[in-house]
Amino acid sequence: MIGLLVIADNHFIVRGPEPSLEVAHQLARRWSLIQIGSGINATEPYQNWRVSTQEFRENLTWAIILEQPPSPAVSVLLAELAARQVPIRQFSGVN
């Protein structure tokens, strides 16, 4: 499965099952603070997910929005996903 994890004006294309809210926050924290050379794979216990650098948008099967507003380009992608009836979960109040 491939999905989209949106954190305001940042986003990640993620390979893995749709995560829970808690896991989505952990992945966002890990990948938002990544340092050069540290890799883009999640660590235990989140090894089911990894950032993907090349995917077709037609293959996206889920989306999670943790913070608003998404960038204009991501907003277009989210509209495309909604038109294809891809589940989009939206959360507010992120720490």
PDB file of N, CA and C in Angstrom:
ATOM      1  N   MET A   1       0.838  -1.178   0.000  1.00  0.00           N
ATOM      2  CA  MET A   1       0.000   0.000   0.000  1.00  0.00           C
ATOM      3  C   MET A   1       0.886   1.245   0.000  1.00  0.00           C
ATOM      4  N   ILE A   2       0.374   2.272  -0.627  1.00  0.00           N
ATOM      5  CA  ILE A   2       1.100   3.534  -0.717  1.00  0.00           C
ATOM      6  C   ILE A   2       0.144   4.649  -0.334  1.00  0.00           C
ATOM      7  N   GLY A   3       0.634   5.573   0.504  1.00  0.00           N
ATOM      8  CA  GLY A   3      -0.228   6.657   0.944  1.00  0.00           C
ATOM      9  C   GLY A   3       0.496   7.979   1.016  1.00  0.00           C
ATOM     10  N   LEU A   4      -0.237   8.973   1.451  1.00  0.00           N
ATOM     11  CA  LEU A   4       0.256  10.335   1.544  1.00  0.00           C
ATOM     12  C   LEU A   4       0.096  10.808   2.984  1.00  0.00           C
ATOM     13  N   LEU A   5       1.182  11.266   3.591  1.00  0.00           N
ATOM     14  CA  LEU A   5       1.168  11.803   4.945  1.00  0.00           C
ATOM     15  C   LEU A   5       1.469  13.297   4.838  1.00  0.00           C
ATOM     16  N   VAL A   6       0.498  14.149   5.205  1.00  0.00           N
ATOM     17  CA  VAL A   6       0.604  15.592   5.021  1.00  0.00           C
ATOM     18  C   VAL A   6       0.769  16.271   6.372  1.00  0.00           C
ATOM     19  N   ILE A   7       1.824  17.093   6.484  1.00  0.00           N
ATOM     20  CA  ILE A   7       2.076  17.866   7.686  1.00  0.00           C
ATOM     21  C   ILE A   7       2.247  19.314   7.247  1.00  0.00           C
ATOM     22  N   ALA A   8       1.148  20.070   7.221  1.00  0.00           N
ATOM     23  CA  ALA A   8       1.132  21.468   6.760  1.00  0.00           C
ATOM     24  C   ALA A   8       1.721  21.544   5.360  1.00  0.00           C
ATOM     25  N   ASP A   9       2.801  22.315   5.178  1.00  0.00           N
ATOM     26  CA  ASP A   9       3.349  22.473   3.837  1.00  0.00           C
ATOM     27  C   ASP A   9       4.370  21.396   3.477  1.00  0.00           C
ATOM     28  N   ASN A  10       4.473  20.374   4.288  1.00  0.00           N
ATOM     29  CA  ASN A  10       5.368  19.250   4.012  1.00  0.00           C
ATOM     30  C   ASN A  10       4.523  18.002   3.793  1.00  0.00           C
ATOM     31  N   HIS A  11       5.037  17.046   3.046  1.00  0.00           N
ATOM     32  CA  HIS A  11       4.319  15.794   2.839  1.00  0.00           C
ATOM     33  C   HIS A  11       5.301  14.683   2.518  1.00  0.00           C
ATOM     34  N   PHE A  12       4.848  13.463   2.756  1.00  0.00           N
ATOM     35  CA  PHE A  12       5.656  12.282   2.472  1.00  0.00           C
ATOM     36  C   PHE A  12       4.802  11.268   1.738  1.00  0.00           C
ATOM     37  N   ILE A  13       5.355  10.659   0.716  1.00  0.00           N
ATOM     38  CA  ILE A  13       4.738   9.504   0.076  1.00  0.00           C
ATOM     39  C   ILE A  13       5.266   8.308   0.860  1.00  0.00           C
ATOM     40  N   VAL A  14       4.358   7.504   1.384  1.00  0.00           N
ATOM     41  CA  VAL A  14       4.726   6.454   2.331  1.00  0.00           C
ATOM     42  C   VAL A  14       4.322   5.091   1.798  1.00  0.00           C
ATOM     43  N   ARG A  15       5.265   4.157   1.830  1.00  0.00           N
ATOM     44  CA  ARG A  15       4.965   2.752   1.522  1.00  0.00           C
ATOM     45  C   ARG A  15       4.645   2.068   2.827  1.00  0.00           C
ATOM     46  N   GLY A  16       3.478   1.448   2.887  1.00  0.00           N
ATOM     47  CA  GLY A  16       3.062   0.726   4.079  1.00  0.00           C
ATOM     48  C   GLY A  16       1.568   0.866   4.276  1.00  0.00           C
ATOM     49  N   PRO A  17       1.041   0.151   5.248  1.00  0.00           N
ATOM     50  CA  PRO A  17      -0.399   0.236   5.518  1.00  0.00           C
ATOM     51  C   PRO A  17      -0.755   1.600   6.097  1.00  0.00           C
ATOM     52  N   GLU A  18      -2.017   1.952   6.014  1.00  0.00           N
ATOM     53  CA  GLU A  18      -2.459   3.212   6.606  1.00  0.00           C
ATOM     54  C   GLU A  18      -2.218   3.158   8.111  1.00  0.00           C
ATOM     55  N   PRO A  19      -1.416   4.099   8.640  1.00  0.00           N
ATOM     56  CA  PRO A  19      -1.089   4.043  10.068  1.00  0.00           C
ATOM     57  C   PRO A  19      -2.204   4.629  10.933  1.00  0.00           C
ATOM     58  N   SER A  20      -2.156   4.278  12.202  1.00  0.00           N
ATOM     59  CA  SER A  20      -3.052   4.909  13.183  1.00  0.00           C
ATOM     60  C   SER A  20      -2.598   6.352  13.371  1.00  0.00           C
ATOM     61  N   LEU A  21      -3.409   7.144  14.056  1.00  0.00           N
ATOM     62  CA  LEU A  21      -3.053   8.535  14.332  1.00  0.00           C
ATOM     63  C   LEU A  21      -1.736   8.615  15.094  1.00  0.00           C
ATOM     64  N   GLU A  22      -1.593   7.803  16.115  1.00  0.00           N
ATOM     65  CA  GLU A  22      -0.367   7.809  16.927  1.00  0.00           C
ATOM     66  C   GLU A  22       0.859   7.498  16.078  1.00  0.00           C
ATOM     67  N   VAL A  23       0.759   6.475  15.257  1.00  0.00           N
ATOM     68  CA  VAL A  23       1.891   6.092  14.408  1.00  0.00           C
ATOM     69  C   VAL A  23       2.168   7.177  13.368  1.00  0.00           C
ATOM     70  N   ALA A  24       1.128   7.766  12.801  1.00  0.00           N
ATOM     71  CA  ALA A  24       1.311   8.838  11.821  1.00  0.00           C
ATOM     72  C   ALA A  24       2.096  10.003  12.434  1.00  0.00           C
ATOM     73  N   HIS A  25       1.784  10.352  13.685  1.00  0.00           N
ATOM     74  CA  HIS A  25       2.521  11.417  14.371  1.00  0.00           C
ATOM     75  C   HIS A  25       3.979  11.027  14.558  1.00  0.00           C
ATOM     76  N   GLN A  26       4.225   9.802  14.970  1.00  0.00           N
ATOM     77  CA  GLN A  26       5.597   9.347  15.173  1.00  0.00           C
ATOM     78  C   GLN A  26       6.394   9.367  13.869  1.00  0.00           C
ATOM     79  N   LEU A  27       5.781   8.891  12.793  1.00  0.00           N
ATOM     80  CA  LEU A  27       6.452   8.901  11.492  1.00  0.00           C
ATOM     81  C   LEU A  27       6.737  10.335  11.049  1.00  0.00           C
ATOM     82  N   ALA A  28       5.774  11.221  11.221  1.00  0.00           N
ATOM     83  CA  ALA A  28       5.963  12.618  10.829  1.00  0.00           C
ATOM     84  C   ALA A  28       7.105  13.250  11.609  1.00  0.00           C
ATOM     85  N   ARG A  29       7.169  12.982  12.896  1.00  0.00           N
ATOM     86  CA  ARG A  29       8.268  13.528  13.715  1.00  0.00           C
ATOM     87  C   ARG A  29       9.612  12.990  13.239  1.00  0.00           C
ATOM     88  N   ARG A  30       9.672  11.693  13.002  1.00  0.00           N
ATOM     89  CA  ARG A  30      10.923  11.055  12.565  1.00  0.00           C
ATOM     90  C   ARG A  30      11.398  11.643  11.246  1.00  0.00           C
ATOM     91  N   TRP A  31      10.502  11.729  10.296  1.00  0.00           N
ATOM     92  CA  TRP A  31      10.899  12.158   8.966  1.00  0.00           C
ATOM     93  C   TRP A  31      11.029  13.669   8.841  1.00  0.00           C
ATOM     94  N   SER A  32      10.380  14.439   9.681  1.00  0.00           N
ATOM     95  CA  SER A  32      10.501  15.892   9.622  1.00  0.00           C
ATOM     96  C   SER A  32      11.835  16.364  10.192  1.00  0.00           C
ATOM     97  N   LEU A  33      12.409  15.573  11.064  1.00  0.00           N
ATOM     98  CA  LEU A  33      13.673  15.948  11.706  1.00  0.00           C
ATOM     99  C   LEU A  33      14.851  15.141  11.189  1.00  0.00           C
ATOM    100  N   ILE A  34      14.684  14.515  10.042  1.00  0.00           N
ATOM    101  CA  ILE A  34      15.717  13.636   9.507  1.00  0.00           C
ATOM    102  C   ILE A  34      16.997  14.413   9.214  1.00  0.00           C
ATOM    103  N   GLN A  35      18.118  13.771   9.456  1.00  0.00           N
ATOM    104  CA  GLN A  35      19.402  14.383   9.188  1.00  0.00           C
ATOM    105  C   GLN A  35      20.052  13.668   8.015  1.00  0.00           C
ATOM    106  N   ILE A  36      20.862  14.385   7.280  1.00  0.00           N
ATOM    107  CA  ILE A  36      21.530  13.795   6.127  1.00  0.00           C
ATOM    108  C   ILE A  36      22.297  12.556   6.567  1.00  0.00           C
ATOM    109  N   GLY A  37      22.113  11.484   5.821  1.00  0.00           N
ATOM    110  CA  GLY A  37      22.816  10.243   6.104  1.00  0.00           C
ATOM    111  C   GLY A  37      22.135   9.339   7.103  1.00  0.00           C
ATOM    112  N   SER A  38      21.038   9.796   7.723  1.00  0.00           N
ATOM    113  CA  SER A  38      20.388   8.975   8.744  1.00  0.00           C
ATOM    114  C   SER A  38      19.360   8.024   8.153  1.00  0.00           C
ATOM    115  N   GLY A  39      19.044   8.174   6.871  1.00  0.00           N
ATOM    116  CA  GLY A  39      18.098   7.262   6.227  1.00  0.00           C
ATOM    117  C   GLY A  39      16.667   7.737   6.374  1.00  0.00           C
ATOM    118  N   ILE A  40      15.782   7.140   5.544  1.00  0.00           N
ATOM    119  CA  ILE A  40      14.386   7.552   5.570  1.00  0.00           C
ATOM    120  C   ILE A  40      13.474   6.421   6.004  1.00  0.00           C
ATOM    121  N   ASN A  41      14.046   5.332   6.475  1.00  0.00           N
ATOM    122  CA  ASN A  41      13.227   4.243   6.985  1.00  0.00           C
ATOM    123  C   ASN A  41      12.896   4.501   8.447  1.00  0.00           C
ATOM    124  N   ALA A  42      11.718   4.080   8.840  1.00  0.00           N
ATOM    125  CA  ALA A  42      11.337   4.213  10.241  1.00  0.00           C
ATOM    126  C   ALA A  42      12.080   3.172  11.069  1.00  0.00           C
ATOM    127  N   THR A  43      12.237   3.444  12.345  1.00  0.00           N
ATOM    128  CA  THR A  43      12.897   2.510  13.242  1.00  0.00           C
ATOM    129  C   THR A  43      11.841   1.729  14.004  1.00  0.00           C
ATOM    130  N   GLU A  44      12.275   0.738  14.775  1.00  0.00           N
ATOM    131  CA  GLU A  44      11.352  -0.058  15.587  1.00  0.00           C
ATOM    132  C   GLU A  44      10.488   0.863  16.432  1.00  0.00           C
ATOM    133  N   PRO A  45       9.272   0.618  16.644  1.00  0.00           N
ATOM    134  CA  PRO A  45       8.452  -0.465  16.108  1.00  0.00           C
ATOM    135  C   PRO A  45       7.715  -0.079  14.826  1.00  0.00           C
ATOM    136  N   TYR A  46       8.245   0.876  14.095  1.00  0.00           N
ATOM    137  CA  TYR A  46       7.545   1.420  12.930  1.00  0.00           C
ATOM    138  C   TYR A  46       8.185   1.000  11.605  1.00  0.00           C
ATOM    139  N   GLN A  47       8.734  -0.189  11.538  1.00  0.00           N
ATOM    140  CA  GLN A  47       9.441  -0.623  10.338  1.00  0.00           C
ATOM    141  C   GLN A  47       8.530  -1.015   9.186  1.00  0.00           C
ATOM    142  N   ASN A  48       7.235  -0.968   9.377  1.00  0.00           N
ATOM    143  CA  ASN A  48       6.315  -1.285   8.286  1.00  0.00           C
ATOM    144  C   ASN A  48       6.170  -0.134   7.297  1.00  0.00           C
ATOM    145  N   TRP A  49       6.773   1.022   7.592  1.00  0.00           N
ATOM    146  CA  TRP A  49       6.606   2.199   6.755  1.00  0.00           C
ATOM    147  C   TRP A  49       7.955   2.743   6.328  1.00  0.00           C
ATOM    148  N   ARG A  50       7.988   3.268   5.105  1.00  0.00           N
ATOM    149  CA  ARG A  50       9.181   3.969   4.638  1.00  0.00           C
ATOM    150  C   ARG A  50       8.772   5.021   3.624  1.00  0.00           C
ATOM    151  N   VAL A  51       9.573   6.073   3.539  1.00  0.00           N
ATOM    152  CA  VAL A  51       9.338   7.125   2.564  1.00  0.00           C
ATOM    153  C   VAL A  51       9.720   6.589   1.195  1.00  0.00           C
ATOM    154  N   SER A  52       8.890   6.864   0.219  1.00  0.00           N
ATOM    155  CA  SER A  52       9.162   6.457  -1.154  1.00  0.00           C
ATOM    156  C   SER A  52       9.413   7.709  -1.980  1.00  0.00           C
ATOM    157  N   THR A  53      10.400   7.663  -2.836  1.00  0.00           N
ATOM    158  CA  THR A  53      10.753   8.840  -3.620  1.00  0.00           C
ATOM    159  C   THR A  53      10.179   8.822  -5.029  1.00  0.00           C
ATOM    160  N   GLN A  54       9.655   7.683  -5.472  1.00  0.00           N
ATOM    161  CA  GLN A  54       9.064   7.601  -6.803  1.00  0.00           C
ATOM    162  C   GLN A  54       7.844   6.705  -6.781  1.00  0.00           C
ATOM    163  N   GLU A  55       6.701   7.294  -6.981  1.00  0.00           N
ATOM    164  CA  GLU A  55       5.447   6.537  -7.049  1.00  0.00           C
ATOM    165  C   GLU A  55       4.519   7.220  -8.045  1.00  0.00           C
ATOM    166  N   PHE A  56       3.594   6.477  -8.584  1.00  0.00           N
ATOM    167  CA  PHE A  56       2.551   7.047  -9.424  1.00  0.00           C
ATOM    168  C   PHE A  56       1.397   7.452  -8.520  1.00  0.00           C
ATOM    169  N   ARG A  57       0.880   8.635  -8.732  1.00  0.00           N
ATOM    170  CA  ARG A  57      -0.216   9.115  -7.885  1.00  0.00           C
ATOM    171  C   ARG A  57      -1.424   8.216  -7.964  1.00  0.00           C
ATOM    172  N   GLU A  58      -1.581   7.506  -9.069  1.00  0.00           N
ATOM    173  CA  GLU A  58      -2.703   6.576  -9.218  1.00  0.00           C
ATOM    174  C   GLU A  58      -2.621   5.409  -8.231  1.00  0.00           C
ATOM    175  N   ASN A  59      -1.435   5.168  -7.671  1.00  0.00           N
ATOM    176  CA  ASN A  59      -1.245   4.051  -6.738  1.00  0.00           C
ATOM    177  C   ASN A  59      -1.506   4.421  -5.280  1.00  0.00           C
ATOM    178  N   LEU A  60      -1.761   5.691  -5.003  1.00  0.00           N
ATOM    179  CA  LEU A  60      -2.024   6.112  -3.621  1.00  0.00           C
ATOM    180  C   LEU A  60      -3.369   5.556  -3.170  1.00  0.00           C
ATOM    181  N   THR A  61      -3.367   4.899  -2.000  1.00  0.00           N
ATOM    182  CA  THR A  61      -4.594   4.256  -1.504  1.00  0.00           C
ATOM    183  C   THR A  61      -5.108   4.859  -0.203  1.00  0.00           C
ATOM    184  N   TRP A  62      -4.369   5.771   0.403  1.00  0.00           N
ATOM    185  CA  TRP A  62      -4.816   6.428   1.619  1.00  0.00           C
ATOM    186  C   TRP A  62      -4.094   7.767   1.759  1.00  0.00           C
ATOM    187  N   ALA A  63      -4.673   8.658   2.565  1.00  0.00           N
ATOM    188  CA  ALA A  63      -4.033   9.934   2.881  1.00  0.00           C
ATOM    189  C   ALA A  63      -4.417  10.335   4.301  1.00  0.00           C
ATOM    190  N   ILE A  64      -3.460  10.915   4.990  1.00  0.00           N
ATOM    191  CA  ILE A  64      -3.686  11.433   6.336  1.00  0.00           C
ATOM    192  C   ILE A  64      -3.153  12.857   6.373  1.00  0.00           C
ATOM    193  N   ILE A  65      -3.994  13.785   6.814  1.00  0.00           N
ATOM    194  CA  ILE A  65      -3.587  15.179   6.974  1.00  0.00           C
ATOM    195  C   ILE A  65      -3.472  15.437   8.474  1.00  0.00           C
ATOM    196  N   LEU A  66      -2.239  15.703   8.927  1.00  0.00           N
ATOM    197  CA  LEU A  66      -2.022  15.946  10.353  1.00  0.00           C
ATOM    198  C   LEU A  66      -2.127  17.424  10.693  1.00  0.00           C
ATOM    199  N   GLU A  67      -1.699  18.291   9.800  1.00  0.00           N
ATOM    200  CA  GLU A  67      -1.736  19.735  10.042  1.00  0.00           C
ATOM    201  C   GLU A  67      -2.167  20.438   8.771  1.00  0.00           C
ATOM    202  N   GLN A  68      -2.858  21.549   8.938  1.00  0.00           N
ATOM    203  CA  GLN A  68      -3.303  22.372   7.827  1.00  0.00           C
ATOM    204  C   GLN A  68      -2.452  23.636   7.783  1.00  0.00           C
ATOM    205  N   PRO A  69      -2.374  24.359   6.726  1.00  0.00           N
ATOM    206  CA  PRO A  69      -2.905  24.021   5.421  1.00  0.00           C
ATOM    207  C   PRO A  69      -1.837  23.318   4.589  1.00  0.00           C
ATOM    208  N   PRO A  70      -2.255  22.412   3.720  1.00  0.00           N
ATOM    209  CA  PRO A  70      -1.277  21.798   2.822  1.00  0.00           C
ATOM    210  C   PRO A  70      -0.825  22.800   1.765  1.00  0.00           C
ATOM    211  N   SER A  71       0.304  22.534   1.166  1.00  0.00           N
ATOM    212  CA  SER A  71       0.798  23.405   0.094  1.00  0.00           C
ATOM    213  C   SER A  71      -0.176  23.357  -1.080  1.00  0.00           C
ATOM    214  N   PRO A  72      -0.123  24.340  -1.965  1.00  0.00           N
ATOM    215  CA  PRO A  72      -1.021  24.332  -3.127  1.00  0.00           C
ATOM    216  C   PRO A  72      -0.897  23.057  -3.968  1.00  0.00           C
ATOM    217  N   ALA A  73       0.318  22.570  -4.176  1.00  0.00           N
ATOM    218  CA  ALA A  73       0.506  21.347  -4.975  1.00  0.00           C
ATOM    219  C   ALA A  73      -0.115  20.136  -4.286  1.00  0.00           C
ATOM    220  N   VAL A  74       0.047  20.032  -2.976  1.00  0.00           N
ATOM    221  CA  VAL A  74      -0.530  18.915  -2.236  1.00  0.00           C
ATOM    222  C   VAL A  74      -2.052  19.042  -2.200  1.00  0.00           C
ATOM    223  N   SER A  75      -2.567  20.260  -2.150  1.00  0.00           N
ATOM    224  CA  SER A  75      -4.018  20.456  -2.196  1.00  0.00           C
ATOM    225  C   SER A  75      -4.604  19.914  -3.498  1.00  0.00           C
ATOM    226  N   VAL A  76      -3.902  20.127  -4.601  1.00  0.00           N
ATOM    227  CA  VAL A  76      -4.348  19.581  -5.893  1.00  0.00           C
ATOM    228  C   VAL A  76      -4.348  18.063  -5.839  1.00  0.00           C
ATOM    229  N   LEU A  77      -3.274  17.483  -5.297  1.00  0.00           N
ATOM    230  CA  LEU A  77      -3.192  16.030  -5.190  1.00  0.00           C
ATOM    231  C   LEU A  77      -4.310  15.487  -4.299  1.00  0.00           C
ATOM    232  N   LEU A  78      -4.586  16.133  -3.178  1.00  0.00           N
ATOM    233  CA  LEU A  78      -5.666  15.699  -2.294  1.00  0.00           C
ATOM    234  C   LEU A  78      -7.024  15.765  -2.989  1.00  0.00           C
ATOM    235  N   ALA A  79      -7.222  16.784  -3.809  1.00  0.00           N
ATOM    236  CA  ALA A  79      -8.479  16.882  -4.565  1.00  0.00           C
ATOM    237  C   ALA A  79      -8.600  15.735  -5.558  1.00  0.00           C
ATOM    238  N   GLU A  80      -7.496  15.374  -6.202  1.00  0.00           N
ATOM    239  CA  GLU A  80      -7.496  14.231  -7.124  1.00  0.00           C
ATOM    240  C   GLU A  80      -7.825  12.938  -6.375  1.00  0.00           C
ATOM    241  N   LEU A  81      -7.240  12.772  -5.203  1.00  0.00           N
ATOM    242  CA  LEU A  81      -7.501  11.572  -4.410  1.00  0.00           C
ATOM    243  C   LEU A  81      -8.963  11.520  -3.985  1.00  0.00           C
ATOM    244  N   ALA A  82      -9.501  12.643  -3.557  1.00  0.00           N
ATOM    245  CA  ALA A  82     -10.904  12.694  -3.148  1.00  0.00           C
ATOM    246  C   ALA A  82     -11.818  12.347  -4.326  1.00  0.00           C
ATOM    247  N   ALA A  83     -11.483  12.827  -5.510  1.00  0.00           N
ATOM    248  CA  ALA A  83     -12.287  12.528  -6.698  1.00  0.00           C
ATOM    249  C   ALA A  83     -12.263  11.040  -7.030  1.00  0.00           C
ATOM    250  N   ARG A  84     -11.164  10.369  -6.674  1.00  0.00           N
ATOM    251  CA  ARG A  84     -11.068   8.922  -6.902  1.00  0.00           C
ATOM    252  C   ARG A  84     -11.609   8.120  -5.724  1.00  0.00           C
ATOM    253  N   GLN A  85     -12.155   8.817  -4.731  1.00  0.00           N
ATOM    254  CA  GLN A  85     -12.733   8.183  -3.546  1.00  0.00           C
ATOM    255  C   GLN A  85     -11.685   7.491  -2.662  1.00  0.00           C
ATOM    256  N   VAL A  86     -10.455   7.991  -2.693  1.00  0.00           N
ATOM    257  CA  VAL A  86      -9.402   7.489  -1.797  1.00  0.00           C
ATOM    258  C   VAL A  86      -9.707   8.029  -0.402  1.00  0.00           C
ATOM    259  N   PRO A  87      -9.675   7.178   0.634  1.00  0.00           N
ATOM    260  CA  PRO A  87      -9.945   7.657   1.994  1.00  0.00           C
ATOM    261  C   PRO A  87      -8.907   8.701   2.442  1.00  0.00           C
ATOM    262  N   ILE A  88      -9.415   9.841   2.913  1.00  0.00           N
ATOM    263  CA  ILE A  88      -8.551  10.908   3.431  1.00  0.00           C
ATOM    264  C   ILE A  88      -9.000  11.199   4.861  1.00  0.00           C
ATOM    265  N   ARG A  89      -8.109  10.941   5.806  1.00  0.00           N
ATOM    266  CA  ARG A  89      -8.406  11.247   7.209  1.00  0.00           C
ATOM    267  C   ARG A  89      -7.728  12.558   7.567  1.00  0.00           C
ATOM    268  N   GLN A  90      -8.438  13.395   8.274  1.00  0.00           N
ATOM    269  CA  GLN A  90      -7.933  14.700   8.645  1.00  0.00           C
ATOM    270  C   GLN A  90      -7.998  14.866  10.145  1.00  0.00           C
ATOM    271  N   PHE A  91      -6.879  15.268  10.756  1.00  0.00           N
ATOM    272  CA  PHE A  91      -6.808  15.441  12.197  1.00  0.00           C
ATOM    273  C   PHE A  91      -6.409  16.861  12.512  1.00  0.00           C
ATOM    274  N   SER A  92      -6.804  17.325  13.693  1.00  0.00           N
ATOM    275  CA  SER A  92      -6.418  18.656  14.147  1.00  0.00           C
ATOM    276  C   SER A  92      -5.869  18.541  15.564  1.00  0.00           C
ATOM    277  N   GLY A  93      -5.262  19.601  16.019  1.00  0.00           N
ATOM    278  CA  GLY A  93      -4.744  19.598  17.371  1.00  0.00           C
ATOM    279  C   GLY A  93      -3.454  18.822  17.531  1.00  0.00           C
ATOM    280  N   VAL A  94      -2.613  18.833  16.513  1.00  0.00           N
ATOM    281  CA  VAL A  94      -1.344  18.108  16.565  1.00  0.00           C
ATOM    282  C   VAL A  94      -0.395  18.853  17.486  1.00  0.00           C
ATOM    283  N   ASN A  95       0.309  18.103  18.323  1.00  0.00           N
ATOM    284  CA  ASN A  95       1.279  18.697  19.234  1.00  0.00           C
ATOM    285  C   ASN A  95       2.520  19.115  18.496  1.00  0.00           C
TER     286      ASN A  95
END
